[in-house]
Amino acid sequence: MTPTQNLNQGSVRLLRVLAPLAVLILASLGATVIQSAAASSGRTVTNATIETKSLGNAIETSSNWAGYAVTPLDATTSTTPPTPTATPTTPATLATFTSVSGSWIQPKVSCTKSKATYAAFWVGLGGFSPTSQALEQIGSQATCTTAGKAKYSMWYELVPAASVPIRFKVFPGNALTASVKVNGTQVVLQIRNLTRKTNFTKTLFMAEPDLSSAEWIAEAPTGCAQLPLAKFSPLTFTKSSATTSDGHTGTISDVSWSPTVINLEETASDLLATETTGALPSPLSTNGASFAIVWQEAISTGAVSH
């Protein structure tokens, strides 16, 4: 993001339970998308618990995030039988995430005059919990100006600080790979443009980084208000992985943590509207490292029940 826009990548995620993802993908994306997937902090939760699950994954709906997030398994849900002991044991401590990485091809956006729209694509740590106050992320962006022109850029952000532009060029079709690594208060952000052979690495420090989750996201950024989502070409995250504080590395579907599917449904400007734009992620690939995200022009809002 550019400083003049002062966009907070991870803010205000309004959630509610959505219908099973398998139904949505088949109905809204089509079988071809499924095959192609061989793929802020401070959110307001409208449901106390997430009950709907698909393919073993929890599903949430957001006003500005689409993709996947992983969180540590609850220590009480361990599949390992307890070992009898004569003395009390110390409760297990949930592992935290120390790194996240992923790759994608920079999507192209379709623009129309008189309407500015935005789409950001990133990997990050933190920001998924409703009580989170931080988020460490790096990625790329596509912006449609009111003149109908498309602009592409890269950026990083350590919420609650503002996003910072990266002064390397990026174009649609460029192959990007990015990572966030945290060691104590040190945060190392890296993004490489494999097509243009450029490499950006930044080491920063923050008092309290959020390590409670890892994410792979396409986003409609938010500033003082929700910004409209740009119509982007299909995006596929590949080589997605995360590492925990105990040194374990795995893909999104790794049994050591719990993945959540996040569907983006923009807040309708008309309270009586029955459809709105958004973006839907596909099921994960067999190895759990890849998935697609597809922009959708019409997603049922269920506005009648609001």
Foldseek 3Di string as FASTA:
>chain_A
DAVVQLFDFQDAWEKDEDAAQVVCCCVFVNPVQQVVQLFAAQYDYPDPDQDDDYPQATEMETQWKFFKKWFFDDQVPDPDDDDDDPDDDDRDDTWFFFKKKWKKFAWDFFFDAQAKFKKWWWKWADRPDNNTQWIWIWTKMWMQDNRRDIAIFIWTDIPPDTIHTDPDGDDGGFMKMWMWGDDQQKIWTWMAGPVVGDIDIDIDGDNDHHRRMITTIMTQIADVHGGHHTQIAKMKIFQIWTAIPVGDIAAQPDPRIHMYGYWHFHDDPDLPDQWAKTKHKHDHSPRRGMIMIHTGGTDGPVSVVD
